[in-house]
PDB file of N, CA and C in Angstrom:
ATOM      1  N   MET A   1      90.951 115.900  80.523  1.00  0.00           N
ATOM      2  CA  MET A   1      91.490 115.290  81.651  1.00  0.00           C
ATOM      3  C   MET A   1      92.814 116.146  82.444  1.00  0.00           C
ATOM      4  N   SER A   2      93.057 115.710  84.007  1.00  0.00           N
ATOM      5  CA  SER A   2      93.993 116.355  84.253  1.00  0.00           C
ATOM      6  C   SER A   2      95.096 115.349  83.999  1.00  0.00           C
ATOM      7  N   ASP A   3      96.328 115.592  84.503  1.00  0.00           N
ATOM      8  CA  ASP A   3      97.760 114.569  84.770  1.00  0.00           C
ATOM      9  C   ASP A   3      97.926 114.594  86.184  1.00  0.00           C
ATOM     10  N   ALA A   4      98.384 113.060  86.264  1.00  0.00           N
ATOM     11  CA  ALA A   4      99.129 112.359  87.809  1.00  0.00           C
ATOM     12  C   ALA A   4      99.989 113.107  87.730  1.00  0.00           C
ATOM     13  N   VAL A   5     100.570 113.346  89.559  1.00  0.00           N
ATOM     14  CA  VAL A   5     101.396 113.526  90.144  1.00  0.00           C
ATOM     15  C   VAL A   5     101.929 112.460  89.689  1.00  0.00           C
ATOM     16  N   VAL A   6     103.316 112.675  89.638  1.00  0.00           N
ATOM     17  CA  VAL A   6     104.663 111.999  90.258  1.00  0.00           C
ATOM     18  C   VAL A   6     104.932 111.785  91.422  1.00  0.00           C
ATOM     19  N   ALA A   7     104.523 110.829  91.934  1.00  0.00           N
ATOM     20  CA  ALA A   7     104.809 110.618  93.759  1.00  0.00           C
ATOM     21  C   ALA A   7     106.463 110.489  93.827  1.00  0.00           C
ATOM     22  N   GLN A   8     106.997 109.490  93.083  1.00  0.00           N
ATOM     23  CA  GLN A   8     107.964 109.122  93.166  1.00  0.00           C
ATOM     24  C   GLN A   8     108.896 108.504  92.062  1.00  0.00           C
ATOM     25  N   LYS A   9     109.551 108.170  91.174  1.00  0.00           N
ATOM     26  CA  LYS A   9     110.214 107.544  90.633  1.00  0.00           C
ATOM     27  C   LYS A   9     110.565 106.869  90.729  1.00  0.00           C
ATOM     28  N   ALA A  10     110.079 105.500  91.414  1.00  0.00           N
ATOM     29  CA  ALA A  10     110.461 104.279  91.470  1.00  0.00           C
ATOM     30  C   ALA A  10     109.541 103.683  92.698  1.00  0.00           C
ATOM     31  N   PRO A  11     109.228 102.219  92.286  1.00  0.00           N
ATOM     32  CA  PRO A  11     108.215 101.422  92.684  1.00  0.00           C
ATOM     33  C   PRO A  11     108.317 101.248  94.357  1.00  0.00           C
ATOM     34  N   PHE A  12     107.291 101.571  95.105  1.00  0.00           N
ATOM     35  CA  PHE A  12     106.467 101.591  96.396  1.00  0.00           C
ATOM     36  C   PHE A  12     106.653 100.059  96.314  1.00  0.00           C
ATOM     37  N   PRO A  13     107.603  98.960  97.514  1.00  0.00           N
ATOM     38  CA  PRO A  13     107.337  97.635  97.740  1.00  0.00           C
ATOM     39  C   PRO A  13     106.427  97.620  98.948  1.00  0.00           C
ATOM     40  N   VAL A  14     105.284  96.714  98.848  1.00  0.00           N
ATOM     41  CA  VAL A  14     104.940  96.302  99.666  1.00  0.00           C
ATOM     42  C   VAL A  14     104.339  95.140 100.380  1.00  0.00           C
ATOM     43  N   GLU A  15     104.354  94.852 101.557  1.00  0.00           N
ATOM     44  CA  GLU A  15     104.588  93.116 101.564  1.00  0.00           C
ATOM     45  C   GLU A  15     102.739  92.993 102.277  1.00  0.00           C
ATOM     46  N   LEU A  16     102.204  92.426 101.153  1.00  0.00           N
ATOM     47  CA  LEU A  16     100.875  92.149 101.514  1.00  0.00           C
ATOM     48  C   LEU A  16     100.239  90.442 101.518  1.00  0.00           C
ATOM     49  N   THR A  17      99.500  90.587 102.838  1.00  0.00           N
ATOM     50  CA  THR A  17      98.713  89.075 102.662  1.00  0.00           C
ATOM     51  C   THR A  17      98.062  88.353 101.528  1.00  0.00           C
ATOM     52  N   GLU A  18      97.876  87.291 101.881  1.00  0.00           N
ATOM     53  CA  GLU A  18      97.054  86.266 100.506  1.00  0.00           C
ATOM     54  C   GLU A  18      95.765  86.806 100.764  1.00  0.00           C
ATOM     55  N   GLY A  19      95.212  87.747  99.840  1.00  0.00           N
ATOM     56  CA  GLY A  19      93.384  88.152 100.359  1.00  0.00           C
ATOM     57  C   GLY A  19      93.446  89.351 100.339  1.00  0.00           C
ATOM     58  N   GLN A  20      94.489  89.858 100.951  1.00  0.00           N
ATOM     59  CA  GLN A  20      94.648  91.392 101.661  1.00  0.00           C
ATOM     60  C   GLN A  20      94.328  92.435 100.552  1.00  0.00           C
ATOM     61  N   LYS A  21      93.007  93.224 100.249  1.00  0.00           N
ATOM     62  CA  LYS A  21      92.628  94.298  99.522  1.00  0.00           C
ATOM     63  C   LYS A  21      93.122  95.426  99.758  1.00  0.00           C
ATOM     64  N   VAL A  22      93.737  96.186  98.328  1.00  0.00           N
ATOM     65  CA  VAL A  22      94.134  97.716  98.698  1.00  0.00           C
ATOM     66  C   VAL A  22      93.328  98.524  97.939  1.00  0.00           C
ATOM     67  N   PHE A  23      93.723  99.979  97.924  1.00  0.00           N
ATOM     68  CA  PHE A  23      93.271 100.694  97.048  1.00  0.00           C
ATOM     69  C   PHE A  23      94.631 101.106  96.671  1.00  0.00           C
ATOM     70  N   TRP A  24      94.882 101.487  95.390  1.00  0.00           N
ATOM     71  CA  TRP A  24      96.334 102.241  94.816  1.00  0.00           C
ATOM     72  C   TRP A  24      95.852 103.526  94.328  1.00  0.00           C
ATOM     73  N   CYS A  25      96.801 104.618  94.917  1.00  0.00           N
ATOM     74  CA  CYS A  25      96.526 105.853  94.262  1.00  0.00           C
ATOM     75  C   CYS A  25      96.944 106.122  92.941  1.00  0.00           C
ATOM     76  N   SER A  26      95.935 106.589  92.115  1.00  0.00           N
ATOM     77  CA  SER A  26      96.139 106.830  90.659  1.00  0.00           C
ATOM     78  C   SER A  26      96.660 108.112  90.245  1.00  0.00           C
ATOM     79  N   CYS A  27      96.171 109.133  91.416  1.00  0.00           N
ATOM     80  CA  CYS A  27      96.132 110.371  91.000  1.00  0.00           C
ATOM     81  C   CYS A  27      97.787 110.944  91.110  1.00  0.00           C
ATOM     82  N   GLY A  28      97.765 110.339  92.293  1.00  0.00           N
ATOM     83  CA  GLY A  28      99.442 110.818  92.766  1.00  0.00           C
ATOM     84  C   GLY A  28      99.326 112.117  93.869  1.00  0.00           C
ATOM     85  N   ARG A  29      98.153 112.626  94.360  1.00  0.00           N
ATOM     86  CA  ARG A  29      98.164 113.229  95.116  1.00  0.00           C
ATOM     87  C   ARG A  29      97.645 112.962  96.784  1.00  0.00           C
ATOM     88  N   SER A  30      98.092 111.494  97.161  1.00  0.00           N
ATOM     89  CA  SER A  30      97.761 110.983  98.231  1.00  0.00           C
ATOM     90  C   SER A  30      98.818 111.110  99.000  1.00  0.00           C
ATOM     91  N   SER A  31      98.404 111.242 100.563  1.00  0.00           N
ATOM     92  CA  SER A  31      99.463 111.603 101.375  1.00  0.00           C
ATOM     93  C   SER A  31     100.130 110.341 102.221  1.00  0.00           C
ATOM     94  N   LYS A  32      99.489 109.171 101.531  1.00  0.00           N
ATOM     95  CA  LYS A  32      99.797 107.951 102.173  1.00  0.00           C
ATOM     96  C   LYS A  32      99.899 107.010 100.705  1.00  0.00           C
ATOM     97  N   GLN A  33     100.751 107.313 100.038  1.00  0.00           N
ATOM     98  CA  GLN A  33     101.307 106.485  99.148  1.00  0.00           C
ATOM     99  C   GLN A  33     101.809 105.136  99.507  1.00  0.00           C
ATOM    100  N   PRO A  34     101.624 104.453  98.414  1.00  0.00           N
ATOM    101  CA  PRO A  34     101.321 104.332  97.212  1.00  0.00           C
ATOM    102  C   PRO A  34      99.429 104.377  97.606  1.00  0.00           C
ATOM    103  N   PHE A  35      98.911 104.328  98.257  1.00  0.00           N
ATOM    104  CA  PHE A  35      97.444 104.155  98.671  1.00  0.00           C
ATOM    105  C   PHE A  35      96.525 105.099  98.654  1.00  0.00           C
ATOM    106  N   CYS A  36      95.701 105.126  97.970  1.00  0.00           N
ATOM    107  CA  CYS A  36      94.696 106.283  98.304  1.00  0.00           C
ATOM    108  C   CYS A  36      94.186 106.797  99.795  1.00  0.00           C
ATOM    109  N   ASP A  37      94.136 107.982  99.419  1.00  0.00           N
ATOM    110  CA  ASP A  37      93.598 108.903 101.075  1.00  0.00           C
ATOM    111  C   ASP A  37      92.311 109.724 100.229  1.00  0.00           C
ATOM    112  N   GLY A  38      92.086 109.619  99.780  1.00  0.00           N
ATOM    113  CA  GLY A  38      90.777 110.318  98.473  1.00  0.00           C
ATOM    114  C   GLY A  38      91.230 111.453  98.345  1.00  0.00           C
ATOM    115  N   SER A  39      92.166 111.878  98.059  1.00  0.00           N
ATOM    116  CA  SER A  39      92.772 113.247  97.517  1.00  0.00           C
ATOM    117  C   SER A  39      92.587 113.172  96.213  1.00  0.00           C
ATOM    118  N   HIS A  40      91.963 112.214  95.408  1.00  0.00           N
ATOM    119  CA  HIS A  40      91.480 112.392  94.122  1.00  0.00           C
ATOM    120  C   HIS A  40      90.147 112.818  93.925  1.00  0.00           C
ATOM    121  N   LYS A  41      89.373 113.480  95.144  1.00  0.00           N
ATOM    122  CA  LYS A  41      88.255 113.959  94.872  1.00  0.00           C
ATOM    123  C   LYS A  41      88.412 115.029  93.695  1.00  0.00           C
ATOM    124  N   GLY A  42      87.760 115.577  92.900  1.00  0.00           N
ATOM    125  CA  GLY A  42      87.287 116.839  91.894  1.00  0.00           C
ATOM    126  C   GLY A  42      88.456 116.579  90.886  1.00  0.00           C
ATOM    127  N   THR A  43      88.539 115.392  90.361  1.00  0.00           N
ATOM    128  CA  THR A  43      90.162 114.995  89.697  1.00  0.00           C
ATOM    129  C   THR A  43      89.136 114.119  89.010  1.00  0.00           C
ATOM    130  N   ASP A  44      89.434 113.530  87.777  1.00  0.00           N
ATOM    131  CA  ASP A  44      89.250 112.763  87.117  1.00  0.00           C
ATOM    132  C   ASP A  44      89.833 111.086  86.946  1.00  0.00           C
ATOM    133  N   PHE A  45      90.672 111.028  88.279  1.00  0.00           N
ATOM    134  CA  PHE A  45      90.894 109.945  88.777  1.00  0.00           C
ATOM    135  C   PHE A  45      90.022 109.320  89.475  1.00  0.00           C
ATOM    136  N   THR A  46      90.306 107.409  89.806  1.00  0.00           N
ATOM    137  CA  THR A  46      89.598 107.010  90.789  1.00  0.00           C
ATOM    138  C   THR A  46      90.672 105.957  91.385  1.00  0.00           C
ATOM    139  N   PRO A  47      90.904 105.623  92.658  1.00  0.00           N
ATOM    140  CA  PRO A  47      92.043 104.895  92.930  1.00  0.00           C
ATOM    141  C   PRO A  47      91.495 103.216  91.842  1.00  0.00           C
ATOM    142  N   VAL A  48      92.861 102.757  92.121  1.00  0.00           N
ATOM    143  CA  VAL A  48      92.361 100.743  91.349  1.00  0.00           C
ATOM    144  C   VAL A  48      92.585 100.267  93.021  1.00  0.00           C
ATOM    145  N   ALA A  49      91.312  98.863  93.106  1.00  0.00           N
ATOM    146  CA  ALA A  49      90.975  97.842  93.851  1.00  0.00           C
ATOM    147  C   ALA A  49      92.400  96.763  93.489  1.00  0.00           C
ATOM    148  N   PHE A  50      93.271  96.668  94.258  1.00  0.00           N
ATOM    149  CA  PHE A  50      94.372  95.636  94.243  1.00  0.00           C
ATOM    150  C   PHE A  50      94.173  94.191  95.217  1.00  0.00           C
ATOM    151  N   GLU A  51      93.621  92.882  95.021  1.00  0.00           N
ATOM    152  CA  GLU A  51      93.693  91.522  96.316  1.00  0.00           C
ATOM    153  C   GLU A  51      94.948  91.107  95.844  1.00  0.00           C
ATOM    154  N   ALA A  52      95.410  91.256  96.751  1.00  0.00           N
ATOM    155  CA  ALA A  52      97.043  90.013  96.574  1.00  0.00           C
ATOM    156  C   ALA A  52      96.581  88.741  96.601  1.00  0.00           C
ATOM    157  N   PRO A  53      96.975  88.007  95.522  1.00  0.00           N
ATOM    158  CA  PRO A  53      96.969  86.302  94.968  1.00  0.00           C
ATOM    159  C   PRO A  53      97.615  85.454  95.937  1.00  0.00           C
ATOM    160  N   ALA A  54      98.799  85.967  96.474  1.00  0.00           N
ATOM    161  CA  ALA A  54      99.721  85.034  97.628  1.00  0.00           C
ATOM    162  C   ALA A  54     100.380  86.193  98.514  1.00  0.00           C
ATOM    163  N   ALA A  55     100.905  85.689  99.643  1.00  0.00           N
ATOM    164  CA  ALA A  55     101.493  86.449 100.346  1.00  0.00           C
ATOM    165  C   ALA A  55     102.948  86.639  99.825  1.00  0.00           C
ATOM    166  N   LYS A  56     102.839  87.809  99.587  1.00  0.00           N
ATOM    167  CA  LYS A  56     104.564  88.503  99.262  1.00  0.00           C
ATOM    168  C   LYS A  56     104.505  89.826  99.236  1.00  0.00           C
ATOM    169  N   THR A  57     105.881  90.336  98.329  1.00  0.00           N
ATOM    170  CA  THR A  57     106.178  91.592  98.266  1.00  0.00           C
ATOM    171  C   THR A  57     105.693  92.260  97.103  1.00  0.00           C
ATOM    172  N   TYR A  58     104.875  93.536  96.813  1.00  0.00           N
ATOM    173  CA  TYR A  58     104.440  93.765  95.345  1.00  0.00           C
ATOM    174  C   TYR A  58     104.706  95.746  95.436  1.00  0.00           C
ATOM    175  N   TYR A  59     105.222  95.253  94.020  1.00  0.00           N
ATOM    176  CA  TYR A  59     105.821  96.931  94.320  1.00  0.00           C
ATOM    177  C   TYR A  59     104.841  97.627  92.730  1.00  0.00           C
ATOM    178  N   PHE A  60     104.188  98.737  93.962  1.00  0.00           N
ATOM    179  CA  PHE A  60     103.305  99.128  93.122  1.00  0.00           C
ATOM    180  C   PHE A  60     103.837 101.062  92.318  1.00  0.00           C
ATOM    181  N   CYS A  61     103.542 101.454  91.569  1.00  0.00           N
ATOM    182  CA  CYS A  61     103.660 102.033  90.562  1.00  0.00           C
ATOM    183  C   CYS A  61     103.606 103.592  91.947  1.00  0.00           C
ATOM    184  N   GLY A  62     104.688 104.127  91.155  1.00  0.00           N
ATOM    185  CA  GLY A  62     104.836 105.188  92.056  1.00  0.00           C
ATOM    186  C   GLY A  62     105.003 106.473  91.128  1.00  0.00           C
ATOM    187  N   CYS A  63     105.266 106.405  89.950  1.00  0.00           N
ATOM    188  CA  CYS A  63     105.251 107.071  88.772  1.00  0.00           C
ATOM    189  C   CYS A  63     103.900 107.587  88.067  1.00  0.00           C
ATOM    190  N   LYS A  64     103.156 106.724  88.619  1.00  0.00           N
ATOM    191  CA  LYS A  64     101.849 106.838  87.773  1.00  0.00           C
ATOM    192  C   LYS A  64     101.469 106.816  86.177  1.00  0.00           C
ATOM    193  N   ALA A  65     102.382 106.341  86.081  1.00  0.00           N
ATOM    194  CA  ALA A  65     102.854 105.835  84.035  1.00  0.00           C
ATOM    195  C   ALA A  65     102.565 104.463  83.918  1.00  0.00           C
ATOM    196  N   SER A  66     102.814 103.225  84.865  1.00  0.00           N
ATOM    197  CA  SER A  66     102.580 101.980  84.552  1.00  0.00           C
ATOM    198  C   SER A  66     101.433 101.649  83.949  1.00  0.00           C
ATOM    199  N   ALA A  67     101.713 100.882  82.519  1.00  0.00           N
ATOM    200  CA  ALA A  67     101.032 100.188  81.480  1.00  0.00           C
ATOM    201  C   ALA A  67     100.174  98.867  82.275  1.00  0.00           C
ATOM    202  N   LYS A  68     100.616  98.611  83.592  1.00  0.00           N
ATOM    203  CA  LYS A  68     100.246  97.537  84.806  1.00  0.00           C
ATOM    204  C   LYS A  68      99.708  97.879  85.788  1.00  0.00           C
ATOM    205  N   ALA A  69      99.246  98.917  85.635  1.00  0.00           N
ATOM    206  CA  ALA A  69      99.514  99.540  87.353  1.00  0.00           C
ATOM    207  C   ALA A  69      97.954  98.642  87.815  1.00  0.00           C
ATOM    208  N   PRO A  70      97.766  98.570  89.047  1.00  0.00           N
ATOM    209  CA  PRO A  70      98.906  99.426  90.219  1.00  0.00           C
ATOM    210  C   PRO A  70      99.659  98.905  90.086  1.00  0.00           C
ATOM    211  N   LEU A  71     100.847  97.773  89.697  1.00  0.00           N
ATOM    212  CA  LEU A  71     102.192  97.437  89.720  1.00  0.00           C
ATOM    213  C   LEU A  71     102.995  97.861  88.757  1.00  0.00           C
ATOM    214  N   CYS A  72     104.162  98.147  89.005  1.00  0.00           N
ATOM    215  CA  CYS A  72     105.278  99.002  88.308  1.00  0.00           C
ATOM    216  C   CYS A  72     105.590  98.340  87.753  1.00  0.00           C
ATOM    217  N   ASP A  73     105.861  98.557  86.185  1.00  0.00           N
ATOM    218  CA  ASP A  73     106.309  97.964  84.780  1.00  0.00           C
ATOM    219  C   ASP A  73     107.874  98.956  84.442  1.00  0.00           C
ATOM    220  N   GLY A  74     108.318 100.019  85.085  1.00  0.00           N
ATOM    221  CA  GLY A  74     109.627 100.378  84.968  1.00  0.00           C
ATOM    222  C   GLY A  74     109.225 101.225  84.306  1.00  0.00           C
ATOM    223  N   ALA A  75     108.211 101.874  84.035  1.00  0.00           N
ATOM    224  CA  ALA A  75     107.873 102.975  83.048  1.00  0.00           C
ATOM    225  C   ALA A  75     108.540 104.562  83.873  1.00  0.00           C
ATOM    226  N   HIS A  76     108.835 103.964  84.865  1.00  0.00           N
ATOM    227  CA  HIS A  76     109.695 105.381  85.316  1.00  0.00           C
ATOM    228  C   HIS A  76     111.357 105.606  85.357  1.00  0.00           C
ATOM    229  N   ASN A  77     111.597 104.719  84.584  1.00  0.00           N
ATOM    230  CA  ASN A  77     112.549 104.862  84.152  1.00  0.00           C
ATOM    231  C   ASN A  77     112.711 105.573  82.322  1.00  0.00           C
ATOM    232  N   ALA A  78     111.573 105.574  81.986  1.00  0.00           N
ATOM    233  CA  ALA A  78     111.579 106.715  80.821  1.00  0.00           C
ATOM    234  C   ALA A  78     111.379 108.311  81.410  1.00  0.00           C
ATOM    235  N   LEU A  79     111.113 108.191  82.462  1.00  0.00           N
ATOM    236  CA  LEU A  79     110.594 109.858  82.817  1.00  0.00           C
ATOM    237  C   LEU A  79     111.934 110.747  83.080  1.00  0.00           C
TER     238      LEU A  79
END
């Protein structure tokens, strides 16, 4: 299995509306961080679907090491 690329050592704050569906980049290679642009093709990674349960700001993992992916759990603090 290949390693994920650390896109940034901080979360990506994203405002979503209730019911909005997005696909979080798990490989770190996307040019549209924190979302997938298909750059994972040829790797062991797949995007992670997320549907916002409420309208608010969500903090998506940027380091790709969160145990609560696709959302940030502070794992970047240990990198």
